[in-house]
Amino acid sequence: MIDKSHRAKALLVAGCFFMEMLDGTIVTTAAPQMARSLHVSSSAIGLVITSFLLTFAALIPLSGWLTRRWGTRPVFLAAIAVFTAASLGCALSTTLPVLIAMRVLQGFGGAMMVPVGRLIVLAGAEKSDLLRLMAYIVWPGLMAPVVAPLAGGLITTYASWPWLFGINIPLGVVAFAIAWRVVEAAPTERPPRLDRLGVVLTCLGLGGLTYAAHLFSDTDISWATAIATAVVSVVLLAAATRHLLRTEAPLVNLRVLRIATLRTSVSGGSVFWLVVGAGPFLLPLLFQNVFGWSAVKSGAVVLFIFVGNIGIKPATTPMLNRFGFRPVLVASTLVMAAAMAAAGLLTAHTPIVLTCALILLSGIARSVALTAFSTIAYSDVGPEEMRDANSIAATAFQMSAGLAIAVSTIALRAGGPLGRLLPGAPSAGTAYTVAFLILALFSLSVTVTALRMHPDAGARVRRVRPVAARP
């Protein structure tokens, strides 16, 4: 049974995760209003989103060393304070450079907030409690990309864009007050000297890849520029990987990836996060640009993803305990693939009930699979390896969540020429059909990853032990 202290910490981190994910996605709907207010082009507002995601992704690996140096409690409290103060700075910004600077500061706070918070939850938790604890943490983060389009639309319609950031202020104050009470001071240790070369290579590589994603999603920039940026970033990440594997005291110990369950979670979960983030981005565009629906109707229908997330939550842990991680991941990723493929076949004449049911089903699949991936990552990780495992998993998942919109945009841009290969005459929705089929293929690739898992993978965190295999 999970004690009240661990439950409170998990719910606190869940709230921070929601705040962080909401902040990374809600700005998209307000781009035109922000551009008019700040007297810049709408494409320039893309930097407001990219600056946050770039800083956030680049600095996550540093969180492990900082907690070794100063302890989890001070770093977590400081992260919440910085994120909240930067949100106030964003709301008060009157020029684009100031707003971007505040977003960079927000990204710094966010890079420490949830990864360190997750480390606090994992520290001292029994393996058998991880399933329920991770379920608490994951689902609010899944809710944010779904709620963001509707929330952003309502705020920009009935208020003004600074309130997009203003809503973080009371949330951050409450989170800081709760963290002050429930998070205990943990013993610090004398960390090795900071791996400065590892910091430079990792930050430049992750930041560059995030910026390349922005370039791919900007239709005013050529693909050659985006591809060149992505190639340089991949080279930097390859150099970072080589360095981290060879140096004596690396920024992040990549050798923990020898743990099969962690490796599977990082590889499969990262690809699945792309699908999870792309769905709530593509569906409103399909509904509004092709079906001609209003923003309110579109947002209301997409909310059925959230209904699926919440509805399946009470059954997720018993399901994983009963059937195990491998069968549940195979089933949920297959369902997600089918839901994405079916979404590409939707038309304006599809009964609204059927559309809502399909979206509800995708919400169920995404919630189950991500809870499983997030939990199994730590199932076989020992206490001494938890910081490095947490840094690697957090970096991989957050990078994928940040790249999801870029992947969606690339899929849409490719949907035009690829759509001509499909039977029948191309229509306004053909590009979306292709994009959703690409997402379905991504999900199927995760199914293959799940099939390669050992049947007893994750047994240490299940309350029902597997039956011993026959000789």
Protein backbone atom coordinates (compact mmCIF):
# COMPACT_ATOMS: atom_id res chain seq x y z
CA MET A 1 0.00 0.00 0.00
CA ILE A 2 1.42 3.41 -0.98
CA ASP A 3 1.95 5.68 2.03
CA LYS A 4 0.44 9.17 2.06
CA SER A 5 3.82 10.89 1.72
CA HIS A 6 4.71 9.12 -1.53
CA ARG A 7 1.20 9.66 -2.91
CA ALA A 8 1.37 13.37 -2.11
CA LYS A 9 4.76 13.69 -3.83
CA ALA A 10 3.51 11.82 -6.90
CA LEU A 11 0.45 14.08 -7.20
CA LEU A 12 2.65 17.16 -6.71
CA VAL A 13 4.96 16.08 -9.55
CA ALA A 14 1.90 15.25 -11.65
CA GLY A 15 0.67 18.83 -11.22
CA CYS A 16 4.09 20.18 -12.21
CA PHE A 17 4.13 17.88 -15.25
CA PHE A 18 0.72 19.18 -16.33
CA MET A 19 1.82 22.81 -15.89
CA GLU A 20 4.99 22.17 -17.87
CA MET A 21 3.33 20.31 -20.76
CA LEU A 22 0.50 22.86 -20.95
CA ASP A 23 3.01 25.70 -21.17
CA GLY A 24 4.84 23.99 -24.01
CA THR A 25 1.74 23.65 -26.20
CA ILE A 26 -0.84 26.32 -25.31
CA VAL A 27 1.00 29.16 -27.09
CA THR A 28 0.32 27.69 -30.55
CA THR A 29 -3.33 28.80 -30.62
CA ALA A 30 -2.47 32.37 -29.61
CA ALA A 31 0.22 33.02 -32.24
CA PRO A 32 -1.83 35.47 -34.38
CA GLN A 33 -2.94 37.56 -31.37
CA MET A 34 0.58 37.59 -29.89
CA ALA A 35 2.05 38.65 -33.26
CA ARG A 36 -0.34 41.60 -33.49
CA SER A 37 0.29 42.65 -29.90
CA LEU A 38 4.10 42.46 -30.17
CA HIS A 39 4.16 43.89 -33.75
CA VAL A 40 6.01 40.92 -35.26
CA SER A 41 5.17 38.25 -37.84
CA SER A 42 3.31 35.09 -36.86
CA SER A 43 6.34 32.99 -37.87
CA ALA A 44 8.48 34.92 -35.36
CA ILE A 45 6.18 33.74 -32.58
CA GLY A 46 7.42 30.22 -33.34
CA LEU A 47 10.59 31.21 -31.49
CA VAL A 48 8.49 31.67 -28.34
CA ILE A 49 7.65 27.96 -28.47
CA THR A 50 11.06 26.80 -29.70
CA SER A 51 13.09 28.77 -27.14
CA PHE A 52 11.24 27.01 -24.30
CA LEU A 53 11.53 23.53 -25.80
CA LEU A 54 15.18 24.04 -26.82
CA THR A 55 16.30 25.13 -23.34
CA PHE A 56 14.15 22.50 -21.69
CA ALA A 57 15.50 19.60 -23.76
CA ALA A 58 19.13 20.73 -23.64
CA LEU A 59 19.38 21.10 -19.85
CA ILE A 60 17.56 17.99 -18.59
CA PRO A 61 20.77 15.88 -18.52
CA LEU A 62 22.28 18.43 -16.13
CA SER A 63 19.58 17.75 -13.51
CA GLY A 64 21.29 14.59 -12.20
CA TRP A 65 24.59 16.35 -11.43
CA LEU A 66 22.82 19.31 -9.78
CA THR A 67 20.89 17.04 -7.42
CA ARG A 68 24.13 15.31 -6.45
CA ARG A 69 25.70 18.67 -5.71
CA TRP A 70 22.89 20.46 -3.87
CA GLY A 71 20.28 17.80 -3.13
CA THR A 72 16.85 17.09 -4.60
CA ARG A 73 14.82 19.35 -2.29
CA PRO A 74 16.68 22.65 -2.95
CA VAL A 75 16.87 22.00 -6.71
CA PHE A 76 13.17 21.07 -6.94
CA LEU A 77 12.04 24.12 -4.93
CA ALA A 78 14.31 26.40 -6.95
CA ALA A 79 12.98 24.93 -10.22
CA ILE A 80 9.35 25.63 -9.26
CA ALA A 81 10.26 29.16 -8.15
CA VAL A 82 12.18 29.91 -11.37
CA PHE A 83 9.42 28.47 -13.58
CA THR A 84 6.73 30.49 -11.76
CA ALA A 85 8.74 33.73 -11.76
CA ALA A 86 9.53 33.29 -15.46
CA SER A 87 5.81 32.75 -16.15
CA LEU A 88 5.11 36.12 -14.53
CA GLY A 89 7.88 37.61 -16.65
CA CYS A 90 6.28 36.16 -19.80
CA ALA A 91 2.88 37.61 -18.87
CA LEU A 92 4.41 41.08 -18.35
CA SER A 93 6.56 41.03 -21.51
CA THR A 94 5.92 43.82 -24.00
CA THR A 95 8.54 42.95 -26.63
CA LEU A 96 9.49 39.72 -28.39
CA PRO A 97 13.14 39.63 -27.15
CA VAL A 98 12.02 39.98 -23.53
CA LEU A 99 9.37 37.29 -24.00
CA ILE A 100 11.91 34.90 -25.54
CA ALA A 101 14.34 35.57 -22.68
CA MET A 102 11.61 34.73 -20.16
CA ARG A 103 10.77 31.56 -22.08
CA VAL A 104 14.42 30.49 -21.90
CA LEU A 105 14.25 31.02 -18.14
CA GLN A 106 11.05 28.98 -18.04
CA GLY A 107 12.79 26.21 -19.95
CA PHE A 108 15.60 26.19 -17.39
CA GLY A 109 13.11 25.80 -14.54
CA GLY A 110 11.15 23.15 -16.40
CA ALA A 111 14.28 21.13 -17.20
CA MET A 112 14.87 20.70 -13.46
CA MET A 113 11.27 20.60 -12.19
CA VAL A 114 9.73 17.35 -13.40
CA PRO A 115 12.90 15.21 -13.79
CA VAL A 116 14.00 16.10 -10.24
CA GLY A 117 10.45 15.70 -8.97
CA ARG A 118 10.26 12.24 -10.51
CA LEU A 119 13.56 11.36 -8.84
CA ILE A 120 12.09 12.42 -5.48
CA VAL A 121 9.11 10.10 -6.03
CA LEU A 122 11.30 7.18 -7.10
CA ALA A 123 13.71 7.53 -4.16
CA GLY A 124 12.76 5.06 -1.46
CA ALA A 125 9.65 3.79 -3.26
CA GLU A 126 9.01 0.07 -3.23
CA LYS A 127 9.20 -1.57 -6.66
CA SER A 128 5.67 -2.90 -6.18
CA ASP A 129 4.39 0.70 -5.76
CA LEU A 130 5.95 2.06 -8.95
CA LEU A 131 3.00 1.15 -11.16
CA ARG A 132 0.52 3.20 -9.18
CA LEU A 133 2.95 6.07 -8.54
CA MET A 134 3.83 6.42 -12.22
CA ALA A 135 0.15 6.26 -13.15
CA TYR A 136 -0.40 9.30 -10.91
CA ILE A 137 2.43 11.19 -12.59
CA VAL A 138 1.76 10.33 -16.24
CA TRP A 139 -1.92 11.05 -16.90
CA PRO A 140 -1.96 14.81 -16.09
CA GLY A 141 0.86 15.29 -18.58
CA LEU A 142 -1.19 13.45 -21.19
CA MET A 143 -4.11 15.77 -20.49
CA ALA A 144 -2.20 19.00 -21.21
CA PRO A 145 -1.75 18.68 -25.02
CA VAL A 146 -5.46 17.82 -25.29
CA VAL A 147 -6.71 20.68 -23.14
CA ALA A 148 -4.26 23.25 -24.56
CA PRO A 149 -6.03 23.99 -27.90
CA LEU A 150 -9.41 24.57 -26.23
CA ALA A 151 -7.94 26.46 -23.27
CA GLY A 152 -5.80 28.60 -25.56
CA GLY A 153 -8.76 29.35 -27.79
CA LEU A 154 -10.97 30.38 -24.86
CA ILE A 155 -8.26 32.57 -23.31
CA THR A 156 -7.46 34.39 -26.56
CA THR A 157 -11.18 34.80 -27.34
CA TYR A 158 -12.37 36.09 -23.97
CA ALA A 159 -9.15 37.49 -22.45
CA SER A 160 -5.66 38.23 -23.83
CA TRP A 161 -2.50 36.23 -24.51
CA PRO A 162 -0.62 37.16 -21.26
CA TRP A 163 -3.14 35.01 -19.39
CA LEU A 164 -1.68 31.98 -21.18
CA PHE A 165 1.28 32.40 -18.83
CA GLY A 166 -0.61 34.03 -15.98
CA ILE A 167 -2.46 30.80 -15.19
CA ASN A 168 0.87 29.26 -14.17
CA ILE A 169 1.40 31.74 -11.35
CA PRO A 170 -1.23 30.48 -8.86
CA LEU A 171 -0.42 26.89 -9.85
CA GLY A 172 3.27 27.48 -9.22
CA VAL A 173 2.68 29.18 -5.87
CA VAL A 174 0.51 26.28 -4.68
CA ALA A 175 3.05 23.73 -5.96
CA PHE A 176 5.89 25.52 -4.12
CA ALA A 177 3.92 25.61 -0.86
CA ILE A 178 3.07 21.91 -1.09
CA ALA A 179 6.64 20.97 -2.03
CA TRP A 180 7.97 22.92 0.95
CA ARG A 181 5.82 20.76 3.22
CA VAL A 182 6.03 17.27 1.71
CA VAL A 183 9.54 17.08 0.20
CA GLU A 184 12.15 16.19 2.80
CA ALA A 185 15.82 17.11 2.63
CA ALA A 186 17.90 14.24 1.28
CA PRO A 187 21.57 13.69 2.03
CA THR A 188 23.91 15.23 -0.52
CA GLU A 189 27.10 13.71 -1.84
CA ARG A 190 30.34 15.04 -3.20
CA PRO A 191 29.86 14.69 -6.95
CA PRO A 192 32.71 14.27 -9.40
CA ARG A 193 33.87 17.35 -11.25
CA LEU A 194 31.28 18.55 -13.75
CA ASP A 195 31.82 16.97 -17.17
CA ARG A 196 32.00 20.27 -19.07
CA LEU A 197 32.69 18.73 -22.47
CA GLY A 198 29.72 16.42 -21.95
CA VAL A 199 27.54 19.42 -21.07
CA VAL A 200 28.61 21.33 -24.19
CA LEU A 201 28.22 18.43 -26.63
CA THR A 202 24.94 17.21 -25.14
CA CYS A 203 23.34 20.65 -24.86
CA LEU A 204 24.38 21.68 -28.38
CA GLY A 205 23.19 18.38 -29.85
CA LEU A 206 19.82 18.30 -28.08
CA GLY A 207 19.25 22.02 -28.56
CA GLY A 208 20.20 21.82 -32.22
CA LEU A 209 17.85 18.90 -32.84
CA THR A 210 15.01 20.84 -31.20
CA TYR A 211 15.80 23.87 -33.37
CA ALA A 212 15.88 21.66 -36.46
CA ALA A 213 12.37 20.51 -35.54
CA HIS A 214 11.29 24.17 -35.50
CA LEU A 215 12.83 24.69 -38.93
CA PHE A 216 11.01 21.65 -40.33
CA SER A 217 7.69 22.97 -39.01
CA ASP A 218 8.25 26.46 -40.50
CA THR A 219 6.94 26.45 -44.06
CA ASP A 220 8.91 29.63 -44.87
CA ILE A 221 12.25 27.86 -44.40
CA SER A 222 13.71 25.43 -46.92
CA TRP A 223 14.08 21.76 -46.07
CA ALA A 224 17.80 21.97 -46.97
CA THR A 225 18.43 24.32 -44.02
CA ALA A 226 16.44 22.12 -41.67
CA ILE A 227 18.16 18.93 -42.84
CA ALA A 228 21.62 20.51 -42.50
CA THR A 229 20.81 21.62 -38.93
CA ALA A 230 19.50 18.16 -38.06
CA VAL A 231 22.61 16.45 -39.51
CA VAL A 232 24.98 18.69 -37.53
CA SER A 233 22.94 18.04 -34.37
CA VAL A 234 23.05 14.29 -34.88
CA VAL A 235 26.83 14.45 -35.36
CA LEU A 236 27.14 16.41 -32.11
CA LEU A 237 24.98 13.85 -30.31
CA ALA A 238 27.11 11.03 -31.72
CA ALA A 239 30.21 12.80 -30.42
CA ALA A 240 28.49 13.29 -27.07
CA THR A 241 27.61 9.60 -26.90
CA ARG A 242 31.20 8.58 -27.67
CA HIS A 243 32.51 10.96 -25.03
CA LEU A 244 29.99 9.89 -22.35
CA LEU A 245 30.88 6.23 -22.89
CA ARG A 246 34.62 6.85 -22.70
CA THR A 247 35.08 9.41 -19.94
CA GLU A 248 35.60 8.38 -16.33
CA ALA A 249 32.94 10.63 -14.77
CA PRO A 250 30.37 11.42 -17.50
CA LEU A 251 27.54 13.94 -17.21
CA VAL A 252 25.16 11.00 -17.70
CA ASN A 253 26.21 7.37 -17.44
CA LEU A 254 24.88 5.84 -20.66
CA ARG A 255 26.04 2.41 -19.52
CA VAL A 256 22.79 2.03 -17.56
CA LEU A 257 21.16 1.35 -20.93
CA ARG A 258 22.53 -2.16 -20.63
CA ILE A 259 19.39 -2.74 -18.50
CA ALA A 260 17.00 -4.26 -21.04
CA THR A 261 13.78 -2.84 -19.61
CA LEU A 262 15.19 0.69 -19.46
CA ARG A 263 16.51 0.38 -23.01
CA THR A 264 13.13 -0.84 -24.27
CA SER A 265 11.31 1.95 -22.48
CA VAL A 266 13.58 4.63 -23.91
CA SER A 267 13.48 3.31 -27.49
CA GLY A 268 9.83 2.30 -27.69
CA GLY A 269 8.48 5.02 -25.41
CA SER A 270 10.23 7.78 -27.34
CA VAL A 271 8.62 6.76 -30.63
CA PHE A 272 5.25 6.35 -28.95
CA TRP A 273 5.51 9.86 -27.46
CA LEU A 274 5.76 11.18 -31.04
CA VAL A 275 2.42 9.57 -31.85
CA VAL A 276 0.85 10.75 -28.59
CA GLY A 277 1.88 14.36 -29.18
CA ALA A 278 1.03 14.40 -32.87
CA GLY A 279 -2.58 13.22 -32.54
CA PRO A 280 -3.94 16.20 -30.55
CA PHE A 281 -2.13 18.54 -32.95
CA LEU A 282 -3.40 17.02 -36.21
CA LEU A 283 -7.00 16.34 -35.21
CA PRO A 284 -8.02 20.00 -34.59
CA LEU A 285 -6.38 20.99 -37.87
CA LEU A 286 -8.33 18.30 -39.71
CA PHE A 287 -11.60 19.28 -38.06
CA GLN A 288 -11.19 23.02 -38.65
CA ASN A 289 -9.32 23.24 -41.96
CA VAL A 290 -11.00 20.35 -43.79
CA PHE A 291 -14.32 19.72 -42.03
CA GLY A 292 -15.00 23.43 -41.42
CA TRP A 293 -15.78 22.98 -37.72
CA SER A 294 -15.50 25.81 -35.21
CA ALA A 295 -12.58 25.91 -32.76
CA VAL A 296 -14.96 25.20 -29.88
CA LYS A 297 -16.54 22.16 -31.53
CA SER A 298 -13.16 20.84 -32.60
CA GLY A 299 -11.70 21.31 -29.12
CA ALA A 300 -14.69 19.67 -27.48
CA VAL A 301 -14.40 16.55 -29.65
CA VAL A 302 -10.64 16.28 -29.12
CA LEU A 303 -11.31 16.35 -25.36
CA PHE A 304 -12.53 12.76 -25.70
CA ILE A 305 -8.84 11.82 -25.71
CA PHE A 306 -8.77 13.14 -22.15
CA VAL A 307 -11.95 11.21 -21.32
CA GLY A 308 -10.22 8.03 -22.47
CA ASN A 309 -7.12 8.86 -20.42
CA ILE A 310 -9.13 9.34 -17.24
CA GLY A 311 -11.62 6.55 -17.86
CA ILE A 312 -8.99 3.83 -18.18
CA LYS A 313 -6.80 5.06 -15.32
CA PRO A 314 -8.41 2.91 -12.54
CA ALA A 315 -7.97 -0.22 -14.70
CA THR A 316 -4.40 0.39 -15.89
CA THR A 317 -2.58 -0.90 -12.81
CA PRO A 318 -4.77 -4.01 -12.36
CA MET A 319 -4.40 -4.74 -16.07
CA LEU A 320 -0.61 -4.61 -15.95
CA ASN A 321 -0.56 -6.66 -12.74
CA ARG A 322 -2.83 -9.29 -14.27
CA PHE A 323 -1.41 -9.64 -17.80
CA GLY A 324 2.10 -8.20 -17.61
CA PHE A 325 3.84 -5.44 -19.53
CA ARG A 326 4.51 -7.22 -22.80
CA PRO A 327 0.91 -8.24 -23.66
CA VAL A 328 -0.51 -4.90 -22.52
CA LEU A 329 2.02 -2.91 -24.55
CA VAL A 330 1.46 -5.04 -27.64
CA ALA A 331 -2.32 -4.60 -27.38
CA SER A 332 -2.28 -0.87 -26.60
CA THR A 333 0.18 0.05 -29.36
CA LEU A 334 -1.81 -2.03 -31.88
CA VAL A 335 -5.01 -0.26 -30.81
CA MET A 336 -3.25 3.08 -31.18
CA ALA A 337 -2.05 2.15 -34.67
CA ALA A 338 -5.58 1.15 -35.67
CA ALA A 339 -7.02 4.36 -34.20
CA MET A 340 -4.51 6.54 -36.09
CA ALA A 341 -5.20 4.73 -39.37
CA ALA A 342 -8.95 5.09 -38.83
CA ALA A 343 -8.55 8.80 -38.02
CA GLY A 344 -7.10 9.25 -41.50
CA LEU A 345 -10.35 7.88 -42.96
CA LEU A 346 -12.65 10.29 -41.10
CA THR A 347 -14.74 12.69 -43.18
CA ALA A 348 -17.08 15.55 -42.42
CA HIS A 349 -19.96 13.09 -42.92
CA THR A 350 -18.73 10.55 -40.37
CA PRO A 351 -21.26 10.37 -37.51
CA ILE A 352 -20.03 12.49 -34.62
CA VAL A 353 -20.62 9.63 -32.21
CA LEU A 354 -18.28 7.38 -34.19
CA THR A 355 -15.63 10.11 -34.35
CA CYS A 356 -15.82 10.65 -30.58
CA ALA A 357 -15.65 6.89 -29.94
CA LEU A 358 -12.52 6.59 -32.08
CA ILE A 359 -10.83 9.47 -30.29
CA LEU A 360 -11.86 8.01 -26.93
CA LEU A 361 -10.23 4.71 -27.92
CA SER A 362 -6.98 6.46 -28.85
CA GLY A 363 -7.03 8.16 -25.45
CA ILE A 364 -7.31 4.80 -23.72
CA ALA A 365 -4.44 3.33 -25.73
CA ARG A 366 -2.09 6.27 -25.14
CA SER A 367 -2.73 6.30 -21.40
CA VAL A 368 -2.16 2.56 -20.94
CA ALA A 369 0.98 2.40 -23.09
CA LEU A 370 2.69 5.46 -21.61
CA THR A 371 1.99 4.36 -18.05
CA ALA A 372 3.56 1.00 -18.92
CA PHE A 373 6.60 2.53 -20.62
CA SER A 374 7.13 5.07 -17.83
CA THR A 375 7.00 2.37 -15.16
CA ILE A 376 9.02 -0.39 -16.78
CA ALA A 377 11.88 2.05 -17.31
CA TYR A 378 12.72 1.82 -13.60
CA SER A 379 11.66 -1.75 -12.87
CA ASP A 380 15.19 -3.19 -12.86
CA VAL A 381 17.16 -0.04 -11.99
CA GLY A 382 19.02 -0.08 -8.69
CA PRO A 383 19.16 2.93 -6.33
CA GLU A 384 22.71 3.81 -7.33
CA GLU A 385 21.73 4.00 -11.01
CA MET A 386 18.41 5.81 -10.56
CA ARG A 387 19.70 9.35 -11.25
CA ASP A 388 21.27 8.40 -14.57
CA ALA A 389 18.30 6.28 -15.63
CA ASN A 390 15.92 9.10 -14.74
CA SER A 391 17.97 11.67 -16.70
CA ILE A 392 18.11 9.46 -19.79
CA ALA A 393 14.41 8.55 -19.73
CA ALA A 394 13.30 12.14 -19.03
CA THR A 395 15.48 13.52 -21.83
CA ALA A 396 14.26 10.95 -24.35
CA PHE A 397 10.57 11.35 -23.52
CA GLN A 398 10.62 15.14 -23.37
CA MET A 399 12.56 15.39 -26.61
CA SER A 400 9.99 13.20 -28.33
CA ALA A 401 7.10 15.22 -26.91
CA GLY A 402 8.77 18.39 -28.17
CA LEU A 403 9.45 16.90 -31.62
CA ALA A 404 5.88 15.63 -32.07
CA ILE A 405 4.56 18.80 -33.74
CA ALA A 406 7.52 18.90 -36.12
CA VAL A 407 6.92 15.25 -37.05
CA SER A 408 3.25 16.08 -37.66
CA THR A 409 4.16 19.01 -39.89
CA ILE A 410 6.65 16.94 -41.87
CA ALA A 411 4.05 14.19 -42.30
CA LEU A 412 1.51 16.74 -43.54
CA ARG A 413 3.98 18.29 -45.97
CA ALA A 414 4.85 14.83 -47.28
CA GLY A 415 1.16 13.96 -47.46
CA GLY A 416 0.66 16.06 -50.59
CA PRO A 417 3.03 14.20 -52.94
CA LEU A 418 2.49 10.83 -51.25
CA GLY A 419 -1.27 11.29 -51.43
CA ARG A 420 -1.12 11.12 -55.22
CA LEU A 421 -0.08 7.49 -54.88
CA LEU A 422 -3.33 6.61 -53.10
CA PRO A 423 -6.38 5.35 -55.05
CA GLY A 424 -8.84 8.01 -56.20
CA ALA A 425 -8.48 11.73 -56.74
CA PRO A 426 -6.64 13.72 -54.03
CA SER A 427 -8.84 15.91 -51.83
CA ALA A 428 -8.33 18.50 -49.08
CA GLY A 429 -8.09 15.70 -46.53
CA THR A 430 -5.63 13.48 -48.43
CA ALA A 431 -2.55 14.96 -46.73
CA TYR A 432 -4.13 14.24 -43.34
CA THR A 433 -4.89 10.67 -44.40
CA VAL A 434 -1.22 10.13 -45.22
CA ALA A 435 -0.06 11.85 -42.03
CA PHE A 436 -2.24 9.64 -39.83
CA LEU A 437 -1.09 6.53 -41.72
CA ILE A 438 2.52 7.53 -40.99
CA LEU A 439 1.64 7.82 -37.30
CA ALA A 440 0.02 4.39 -37.47
CA LEU A 441 3.28 2.96 -38.86
CA PHE A 442 5.20 4.59 -36.00
CA SER A 443 2.89 2.92 -33.51
CA LEU A 444 3.29 -0.44 -35.25
CA SER A 445 7.06 -0.11 -34.96
CA VAL A 446 6.57 0.24 -31.19
CA THR A 447 4.48 -2.94 -31.27
CA VAL A 448 7.50 -4.73 -32.74
CA THR A 449 9.65 -3.36 -29.91
CA ALA A 450 7.12 -4.63 -27.37
CA LEU A 451 7.03 -8.08 -28.98
CA ARG A 452 10.80 -8.37 -28.51
CA MET A 453 10.49 -7.87 -24.75
CA HIS A 454 11.02 -10.81 -22.41
CA PRO A 455 7.67 -12.27 -21.29
CA ASP A 456 8.54 -11.54 -17.63
CA ALA A 457 9.80 -7.99 -18.26
CA GLY A 458 8.79 -5.71 -15.42
CA ALA A 459 7.99 -8.57 -13.03
CA ARG A 460 9.66 -6.78 -10.11
CA VAL A 461 7.07 -3.98 -10.13
CA ARG A 462 4.04 -6.24 -10.51
CA ARG A 463 2.11 -7.35 -7.44
CA VAL A 464 1.27 -10.66 -9.13
CA ARG A 465 4.42 -12.67 -9.67
CA PRO A 466 4.78 -14.59 -12.94
CA VAL A 467 4.53 -18.35 -12.95
CA ALA A 468 7.96 -19.97 -13.23
CA ALA A 469 8.74 -21.14 -16.73
CA ARG A 470 8.84 -24.88 -17.34
CA PRO A 471 12.28 -26.38 -17.99
